[in-house]
C-alpha atoms as a PDB file:
ATOM      1  CA  MET A   1      22.843 109.957-112.663  1.00  0.00           C
ATOM      2  CA  PHE A   2      19.673 109.493-110.904  1.00  0.00           C
ATOM      3  CA  SER A   3      16.512 111.243-112.029  1.00  0.00           C
ATOM      4  CA  PRO A   4      14.213 112.921-109.448  1.00  0.00           C
ATOM      5  CA  PRO A   5      11.251 110.900-108.502  1.00  0.00           C
ATOM      6  CA  ARG A   6       7.893 111.524-110.119  1.00  0.00           C
ATOM      7  CA  SER A   7       4.693 112.025-108.258  1.00  0.00           C
ATOM      8  CA  VAL A   8       3.401 108.740-109.676  1.00  0.00           C
ATOM      9  CA  THR A   9       6.122 106.798-107.951  1.00  0.00           C
ATOM     10  CA  CYS A  10       5.942 108.709-104.550  1.00  0.00           C
ATOM     11  CA  ARG A  11       2.929 106.918-103.180  1.00  0.00           C
ATOM     12  CA  SER A  12       2.425 104.435-100.473  1.00  0.00           C
ATOM     13  CA  ALA A  13       1.375 101.657-102.988  1.00  0.00           C
ATOM     14  CA  PRO A  14       0.894 101.805-106.641  1.00  0.00           C
ATOM     15  CA  GLY A  15      -2.290 103.531-107.431  1.00  0.00           C
ATOM     16  CA  ARG A  16      -3.517 103.894-103.846  1.00  0.00           C
ATOM     17  CA  PRO A  17      -2.997 107.187-101.968  1.00  0.00           C
ATOM     18  CA  ILE A  18      -2.789 107.234 -98.216  1.00  0.00           C
ATOM     19  CA  ALA A  19      -6.241 107.016 -96.545  1.00  0.00           C
ATOM     20  CA  ALA A  20      -7.702 110.080 -95.068  1.00  0.00           C
ATOM     21  CA  PRO A  21      -8.573 108.408 -91.545  1.00  0.00           C
ATOM     22  CA  ALA A  22      -4.950 107.491 -91.371  1.00  0.00           C
ATOM     23  CA  VAL A  23      -3.713 110.991 -92.054  1.00  0.00           C
ATOM     24  CA  ALA A  24      -6.242 112.414 -89.546  1.00  0.00           C
ATOM     25  CA  SER A  25      -5.423 109.971 -86.760  1.00  0.00           C
ATOM     26  CA  SER A  26      -1.667 110.697 -87.250  1.00  0.00           C
ATOM     27  CA  LEU A  27      -2.203 114.466 -87.017  1.00  0.00           C
ATOM     28  CA  ALA A  28      -4.492 114.120 -84.060  1.00  0.00           C
ATOM     29  CA  LEU A  29      -1.911 112.083 -82.153  1.00  0.00           C
ATOM     30  CA  PHE A  30       0.847 114.535 -83.013  1.00  0.00           C
ATOM     31  CA  VAL A  31      -1.317 117.433 -81.791  1.00  0.00           C
ATOM     32  CA  LEU A  32      -2.149 115.597 -78.591  1.00  0.00           C
ATOM     33  CA  VAL A  33       1.423 114.655 -77.699  1.00  0.00           C
ATOM     34  CA  TYR A  34       2.648 118.262 -78.578  1.00  0.00           C
ATOM     35  CA  VAL A  35      -0.236 119.767 -76.267  1.00  0.00           C
ATOM     36  CA  VAL A  36       0.761 117.449 -73.441  1.00  0.00           C
ATOM     37  CA  ILE A  37       4.484 118.042 -73.614  1.00  0.00           C
ATOM     38  CA  PHE A  38       4.239 121.886 -74.252  1.00  0.00           C
ATOM     39  CA  GLY A  39       1.380 122.096 -71.476  1.00  0.00           C
ATOM     40  CA  THR A  40       3.503 120.197 -69.015  1.00  0.00           C
ATOM     41  CA  GLY A  41       6.490 122.562 -69.726  1.00  0.00           C
ATOM     42  CA  ILE A  42       4.322 125.619 -69.322  1.00  0.00           C
ATOM     43  CA  TYR A  43       2.822 124.319 -66.077  1.00  0.00           C
ATOM     44  CA  TYR A  44       6.384 123.649 -64.629  1.00  0.00           C
ATOM     45  CA  LEU A  45       7.666 127.078 -65.483  1.00  0.00           C
ATOM     46  CA  LEU A  46       4.643 128.926 -63.968  1.00  0.00           C
ATOM     47  CA  ARG A  47       5.036 126.778 -60.865  1.00  0.00           C
ATOM     48  CA  LEU A  48       8.780 127.641 -60.712  1.00  0.00           C
ATOM     49  CA  MET A  49       7.964 131.378 -61.134  1.00  0.00           C
ATOM     50  CA  ARG A  50       5.284 131.190 -58.437  1.00  0.00           C
ATOM     51  CA  ALA A  51       7.479 129.644 -55.813  1.00  0.00           C
ATOM     52  CA  GLU A  52       9.488 131.755 -53.459  1.00  0.00           C
ATOM     53  CA  PRO A  53      13.312 131.919 -53.774  1.00  0.00           C
ATOM     54  CA  GLU A  54      15.086 129.610 -51.397  1.00  0.00           C
ATOM     55  CA  SER A  55      17.637 131.401 -49.034  1.00  0.00           C
ATOM     56  CA  THR A  56      20.680 129.030 -48.644  1.00  0.00           C
ATOM     57  CA  ALA A  57      22.469 131.178 -46.112  1.00  0.00           C
ATOM     58  CA  ALA A  58      22.347 134.610 -44.530  1.00  0.00           C
ATOM     59  CA  ALA A  59      24.508 137.206 -46.242  1.00  0.00           C
ATOM     60  CA  PRO A  60      27.653 137.987 -44.293  1.00  0.00           C
ATOM     61  CA  GLU A  61      28.052 141.248 -42.644  1.00  0.00           C
ATOM     62  CA  GLY A  62      29.547 143.847 -44.968  1.00  0.00           C
ATOM     63  CA  GLY A  63      27.992 142.376 -48.003  1.00  0.00           C
ATOM     64  CA  GLY A  64      30.372 139.500 -48.618  1.00  0.00           C
ATOM     65  CA  ARG A  65      32.901 139.173 -51.463  1.00  0.00           C
ATOM     66  CA  ARG A  66      31.927 140.389 -54.839  1.00  0.00           C
ATOM     67  CA  PRO A  67      33.543 139.113 -58.121  1.00  0.00           C
ATOM     68  CA  ARG A  68      36.462 141.135 -59.531  1.00  0.00           C
ATOM     69  CA  LEU A  69      35.795 143.322 -62.421  1.00  0.00           C
ATOM     70  CA  ALA A  70      37.761 143.027 -65.647  1.00  0.00           C
ATOM     71  CA  SER A  71      39.381 146.427 -64.979  1.00  0.00           C
ATOM     72  CA  GLU A  72      40.515 145.071 -61.516  1.00  0.00           C
ATOM     73  CA  TRP A  73      42.104 142.006 -63.195  1.00  0.00           C
ATOM     74  CA  ALA A  74      44.144 144.268 -65.546  1.00  0.00           C
ATOM     75  CA  ALA A  75      45.378 146.209 -62.388  1.00  0.00           C
ATOM     76  CA  GLY A  76      47.168 143.114 -61.009  1.00  0.00           C
ATOM     77  CA  PRO A  77      46.703 140.578 -58.238  1.00  0.00           C
ATOM     78  CA  PRO A  78      44.191 141.337 -55.487  1.00  0.00           C
ATOM     79  CA  THR A  79      45.629 143.205 -52.413  1.00  0.00           C
ATOM     80  CA  GLU A  80      43.455 141.363 -49.859  1.00  0.00           C
END
């Protein structure tokens, strides 16, 4: 069986930890990309909420057809 890795063997290079500037730049890039993507999504959602709904067609007189309820399906086929 394999033994779990020890902390001595879990480094980037033997005896050399990862440099702090490399970790900091990686974190900064991650935060920047996250802010850009999340900010763009929030902007898009706010723009959608601000826009007026589009009217595709005028409602027919009498209110038009409505979907059948489950209780109506149990009663049998439509009588229209």
